[in-house]
């Protein structure tokens, strides 16, 4: 009986231990579940915060890129505007009176002219449309070509070109006659200068558009061409002792109108005329 009681006691003790262990096993998940809940929420909050930060960074980057692109577009537009202004200024720079300055050339009046013409060559001036004056000059007898009908009363003029006009004059002469050499270019440059003086123009661009010069201005002028412009405009030189206002290339076309004018000379295929 005593042994039986001991066995029962032991069995009860074992059962109690088992129940206690089972209670602990059920209680632990609950505790863990309870303890994991705030951790999980914290992790979720941290993930949300991380995601929010990433979104904020991405948004900031996108905004910065948009601002950079906009700034780049504005810079390009400003540069294009500045370039357009510079091109326009270069074209019309000489239209301002203070940019058209005429000075006396270094050469002297030709000894072939009469004494009265020699006197007038240092005093005579012709008013221009811009209010300035052309100072008469001559080549001192150093004409590049002898012609059959020289004009003893012809007076060439020195014109101090603005940088924009000089560049345009060099380019149009190069485009019209760059292949004809120094004398051929000088004849074309003389027509440009004689028309400039005759019309009282204030810039080379107007002469070109008014009198129909069609040569390309995209060809870079050679040093020889620049020397021609210096001779005709800066020194008041002339290719021939006669005013020349129009010309045409007889190998490309025939022109009854040109031929109806006063023939001056021919150089190569180019025929030069004064207008009646």
Protein backbone atom coordinates (compact mmCIF):
# COMPACT_ATOMS: atom_id res chain seq x y z
CA UNK A 1 0.00 0.00 0.00
CA UNK A 2 2.82 2.35 0.90
CA UNK A 3 4.54 1.53 -2.39
CA UNK A 4 1.36 2.16 -4.26
CA UNK A 5 1.01 5.56 -2.65
CA UNK A 6 4.59 6.38 -3.56
CA UNK A 7 3.92 5.34 -7.12
CA UNK A 8 0.79 7.48 -7.23
CA UNK A 9 2.71 10.40 -5.75
CA UNK A 10 5.43 9.99 -8.30
CA UNK A 11 2.91 9.69 -11.08
CA UNK A 12 1.17 12.83 -9.87
CA UNK A 13 4.50 14.61 -9.67
CA UNK A 14 5.31 13.54 -13.21
CA UNK A 15 1.86 14.62 -14.36
CA UNK A 16 2.27 17.96 -12.60
CA UNK A 17 5.69 18.48 -14.21
CA UNK A 18 4.24 17.56 -17.57
CA UNK A 19 1.38 19.98 -17.09
CA UNK A 20 3.80 22.67 -16.02
CA UNK A 21 5.99 22.07 -19.05
CA UNK A 22 2.95 22.09 -21.35
CA UNK A 23 1.76 25.31 -19.79
CA UNK A 24 5.18 26.81 -20.33
CA UNK A 25 5.22 25.68 -23.97
CA UNK A 26 1.88 27.35 -24.59
CA UNK A 27 2.78 30.41 -22.64
CA UNK A 28 6.11 30.97 -24.44
CA UNK A 29 4.65 31.45 -27.93
CA UNK A 30 2.17 33.91 -26.47
CA UNK A 31 4.97 35.81 -24.79
CA UNK A 32 7.05 35.64 -27.91
CA UNK A 33 4.13 36.68 -30.04
CA UNK A 34 3.47 39.54 -27.71
CA UNK A 35 7.11 40.53 -27.67
CA UNK A 36 7.50 40.20 -31.46
CA UNK A 37 4.58 42.44 -32.25
CA UNK A 38 6.25 45.79 -31.43
CA UNK A 39 9.47 44.57 -33.05
CA UNK A 40 7.61 43.72 -36.23
CA UNK A 41 5.85 47.08 -36.14
CA UNK A 42 9.19 48.77 -35.56
CA UNK A 43 10.71 46.96 -38.52
CA UNK A 44 7.75 47.88 -40.68
CA UNK A 45 8.06 51.48 -39.55
CA UNK A 46 11.76 51.39 -40.32
CA UNK A 47 11.03 49.92 -43.77
CA UNK A 48 8.42 52.58 -44.41
CA UNK A 49 10.87 55.24 -43.28
CA UNK A 50 13.63 53.80 -45.51
CA UNK A 51 11.25 53.62 -48.42
CA UNK A 52 10.15 57.19 -47.79
CA UNK A 53 13.77 58.32 -47.66
CA UNK A 54 14.54 56.54 -50.92
CA UNK A 55 11.53 58.16 -52.55
CA UNK A 56 12.58 61.54 -51.24
CA UNK A 57 16.13 61.10 -52.57
CA UNK A 58 14.87 59.91 -55.95
CA UNK A 59 12.47 62.83 -56.12
CA UNK A 60 15.24 65.28 -55.22
CA UNK A 61 17.51 63.80 -57.86
CA UNK A 62 14.80 63.98 -60.51
CA UNK A 63 14.09 67.58 -59.55
CA UNK A 64 17.79 68.45 -59.72
CA UNK A 65 18.10 66.81 -63.16
CA UNK A 66 15.08 68.73 -64.42
CA UNK A 67 16.55 71.98 -63.11
CA UNK A 68 19.92 71.19 -64.72
CA UNK A 69 18.25 70.39 -68.06
CA UNK A 70 16.23 73.61 -67.88
CA UNK A 71 19.37 75.60 -67.08
CA UNK A 72 21.22 73.97 -70.00
CA UNK A 73 18.36 74.81 -72.37
CA UNK A 74 18.36 78.42 -71.13
CA UNK A 75 22.13 78.69 -71.65
CA UNK A 76 21.88 77.33 -75.20
CA UNK A 77 19.04 79.75 -75.98
CA UNK A 78 21.06 82.67 -74.58
CA UNK A 79 24.08 81.67 -76.67
CA UNK A 80 21.93 81.43 -79.79
CA UNK A 81 20.46 84.87 -79.08
CA UNK A 82 23.93 86.35 -78.54
CA UNK A 83 25.18 84.76 -81.78
CA UNK A 84 22.20 86.14 -83.70
CA UNK A 85 22.86 89.59 -82.23
CA UNK A 86 26.54 89.44 -83.18
CA UNK A 87 25.66 88.38 -86.74
CA UNK A 88 23.11 91.15 -87.06
CA UNK A 89 25.55 93.68 -85.58
CA UNK A 90 28.26 92.60 -88.01
CA UNK A 91 25.85 93.09 -90.93
CA UNK A 92 24.57 96.52 -89.94
CA UNK A 93 27.52 97.85 -87.96
CA UNK A 94 28.54 100.25 -90.70
CA UNK A 95 25.06 101.79 -90.82
CA UNK A 96 25.96 103.87 -87.79
CA UNK A 97 27.52 107.18 -88.88
CA UNK A 98 30.42 107.03 -86.46
CA UNK A 99 31.58 103.76 -87.99
CA UNK A 100 31.97 105.21 -91.48
CA UNK A 101 35.21 107.17 -91.45
CA UNK A 102 36.99 108.33 -94.53
CA UNK A 103 40.65 109.24 -94.55
CA UNK A 104 43.10 110.61 -97.05
CA UNK A 105 45.19 107.89 -98.75
CA UNK A 106 48.96 107.88 -98.69
CA UNK A 107 49.26 108.06 -102.47
CA UNK A 108 49.34 111.33 -104.37
CA UNK A 109 47.16 112.63 -107.19
CA UNK A 110 48.17 111.30 -110.60
CA UNK A 111 50.50 113.56 -112.56
CA UNK A 112 48.57 112.63 -115.71
CA UNK A 113 45.64 114.82 -114.66
CA UNK A 114 45.48 118.51 -115.19
CA UNK A 115 46.67 120.99 -112.58
CA UNK A 116 43.10 121.91 -111.77
CA UNK A 117 42.24 118.25 -111.18
CA UNK A 118 45.33 117.89 -108.97
CA UNK A 119 44.18 120.79 -106.83
CA UNK A 120 40.64 119.46 -106.50
CA UNK A 121 41.91 116.00 -105.54
CA UNK A 122 43.05 117.28 -102.14
CA UNK A 123 40.00 119.44 -101.44
CA UNK A 124 37.05 117.94 -103.28
CA UNK A 125 34.62 115.77 -101.32
CA UNK A 126 31.32 114.13 -102.03
CA UNK A 127 28.68 113.94 -99.33
CA UNK A 128 27.53 110.48 -98.37
CA UNK A 129 24.10 109.45 -97.16
CA UNK A 130 25.45 109.03 -93.65
CA UNK A 131 26.66 112.61 -93.45
CA UNK A 132 30.37 111.82 -93.89
CA UNK A 133 32.59 112.58 -96.86
CA UNK A 134 34.81 110.62 -99.21
CA UNK A 135 38.34 111.96 -99.37
CA UNK A 136 39.47 111.87 -102.97
CA UNK A 137 42.62 110.03 -103.74
CA UNK A 138 44.33 108.56 -106.75
CA UNK A 139 46.87 105.94 -107.61
CA UNK A 140 49.66 108.35 -108.49
CA UNK A 141 49.57 106.92 -112.00
CA UNK A 142 50.00 103.36 -110.73
CA UNK A 143 47.03 101.85 -112.52
CA UNK A 144 47.14 98.10 -112.98
CA UNK A 145 45.90 98.12 -116.57
CA UNK A 146 46.22 100.44 -119.55
CA UNK A 147 42.92 100.95 -121.35
CA UNK A 148 41.97 102.50 -124.69
CA UNK A 149 39.72 105.17 -123.19
CA UNK A 150 41.19 106.39 -119.87
CA UNK A 151 39.27 109.15 -118.11
CA UNK A 152 41.69 111.90 -117.07
CA UNK A 153 39.05 113.31 -114.73
CA UNK A 154 38.46 110.06 -112.91
CA UNK A 155 39.14 110.31 -109.18
CA UNK A 156 39.31 107.31 -106.92
CA UNK A 157 38.51 107.51 -103.23
CA UNK A 158 40.02 106.07 -100.09
CA UNK A 159 37.47 104.64 -97.68
CA UNK A 160 38.32 103.44 -94.20
CA UNK A 161 36.20 100.32 -93.79
CA UNK A 162 34.78 99.08 -90.52
CA UNK A 163 35.94 95.55 -89.55
CA UNK A 164 32.57 94.10 -90.64
CA UNK A 165 32.66 95.93 -94.00
CA UNK A 166 36.27 94.93 -94.61
CA UNK A 167 35.51 91.27 -94.01
CA UNK A 168 32.45 91.38 -96.28
CA UNK A 169 34.34 93.23 -99.04
CA UNK A 170 37.16 90.67 -98.94
CA UNK A 171 34.70 87.78 -99.06
CA UNK A 172 32.56 89.08 -101.94
CA UNK A 173 35.64 89.93 -104.03
CA UNK A 174 37.05 86.47 -103.26
CA UNK A 175 33.77 84.87 -104.26
CA UNK A 176 33.38 86.90 -107.46
CA UNK A 177 36.96 86.89 -108.72
CA UNK A 178 39.24 84.88 -106.45
CA UNK A 179 40.30 82.71 -109.37
CA UNK A 180 41.31 85.66 -111.58
CA UNK A 181 44.40 86.83 -109.66
CA UNK A 182 45.34 90.23 -108.27
CA UNK A 183 44.27 92.36 -111.26
CA UNK A 184 40.96 90.55 -111.74
CA UNK A 185 40.11 90.94 -108.06
CA UNK A 186 41.18 94.60 -108.13
CA UNK A 187 38.76 95.32 -110.99
CA UNK A 188 35.87 93.78 -109.04
CA UNK A 189 36.93 95.61 -105.87
CA UNK A 190 36.99 98.87 -107.85
CA UNK A 191 33.40 98.33 -109.01
CA UNK A 192 32.45 97.76 -105.37
CA UNK A 193 34.21 100.95 -104.26
CA UNK A 194 33.00 103.08 -107.19
CA UNK A 195 29.39 102.01 -106.55
CA UNK A 196 29.87 102.71 -102.84
CA UNK A 197 30.95 106.27 -103.65
CA UNK A 198 28.44 106.88 -106.44
CA UNK A 199 25.46 105.73 -104.38
CA UNK A 200 26.56 107.41 -101.16
CA UNK A 201 26.11 104.16 -99.29
CA UNK A 202 27.11 103.67 -95.68
CA UNK A 203 27.93 99.95 -95.75
CA UNK A 204 29.17 97.26 -98.12
CA UNK A 205 26.17 94.98 -97.53
CA UNK A 206 23.83 97.54 -99.12
CA UNK A 207 26.08 97.86 -102.17
CA UNK A 208 26.09 94.09 -102.60
CA UNK A 209 22.32 93.69 -102.29
CA UNK A 210 21.47 96.76 -104.37
CA UNK A 211 23.79 96.02 -107.29
CA UNK A 212 23.40 92.25 -107.39
CA UNK A 213 26.76 90.76 -106.46
CA UNK A 214 26.15 87.02 -106.43
CA UNK A 215 29.54 85.62 -105.46
CA UNK A 216 29.82 83.34 -102.45
CA UNK A 217 30.87 84.95 -99.17
CA UNK A 218 31.72 81.62 -97.54
CA UNK A 219 35.19 81.32 -99.09
CA UNK A 220 38.03 82.37 -96.81
CA UNK A 221 39.84 85.32 -98.41
CA UNK A 222 43.48 84.81 -99.34
CA UNK A 223 46.21 87.26 -98.38
CA UNK A 224 46.31 88.39 -102.01
CA UNK A 225 42.62 89.27 -101.81
CA UNK A 226 43.20 91.19 -98.57
CA UNK A 227 46.02 93.10 -100.26
CA UNK A 228 43.63 94.04 -103.07
CA UNK A 229 41.10 95.48 -100.60
CA UNK A 230 43.90 97.43 -98.94
CA UNK A 231 45.00 98.85 -102.31
CA UNK A 232 41.51 99.82 -103.50
CA UNK A 233 39.89 101.00 -100.26
CA UNK A 234 42.71 101.99 -97.90
CA UNK A 235 45.05 103.53 -100.44
CA UNK A 236 42.39 104.81 -102.84
CA UNK A 237 43.95 102.83 -105.67
CA UNK A 238 42.33 101.81 -108.94
CA UNK A 239 42.80 99.00 -111.42
CA UNK A 240 42.03 101.28 -114.38
CA UNK A 241 41.78 105.04 -114.90
CA UNK A 242 38.06 105.00 -115.36
CA UNK A 243 34.98 104.51 -113.26
CA UNK A 244 33.66 100.94 -113.39
CA UNK A 245 30.23 100.09 -112.04
CA UNK A 246 29.07 96.81 -113.61
CA UNK A 247 30.60 93.64 -115.01
CA UNK A 248 29.65 90.17 -116.15
CA UNK A 249 31.40 86.93 -117.08
CA UNK A 250 31.07 86.48 -120.84
CA UNK A 251 31.94 82.77 -120.66
CA UNK A 252 28.79 82.09 -118.61
CA UNK A 253 26.26 84.31 -120.36
CA UNK A 254 25.68 87.18 -122.75
CA UNK A 255 24.11 90.43 -121.61
CA UNK A 256 22.71 92.96 -124.04
CA UNK A 257 22.08 95.38 -121.17
CA UNK A 258 25.72 95.33 -120.05
CA UNK A 259 26.88 95.71 -123.63
CA UNK A 260 24.67 98.77 -123.99
CA UNK A 261 26.69 100.55 -121.30
CA UNK A 262 30.09 102.24 -121.70
CA UNK A 263 32.69 99.52 -122.19
CA UNK A 264 35.85 100.05 -120.14
CA UNK A 265 37.95 96.88 -120.37
CA UNK A 266 37.99 93.11 -120.39
CA UNK A 267 40.10 90.89 -118.16
CA UNK A 268 39.91 87.22 -118.95
CA UNK A 269 36.24 86.47 -119.49
CA UNK A 270 35.04 89.36 -117.32
CA UNK A 271 33.87 92.50 -119.12
CA UNK A 272 33.69 95.78 -117.16
CA UNK A 273 31.52 98.82 -117.93
CA UNK A 274 30.66 102.29 -116.70
CA UNK A 275 27.01 103.33 -116.77
CA UNK A 276 25.91 106.15 -119.00
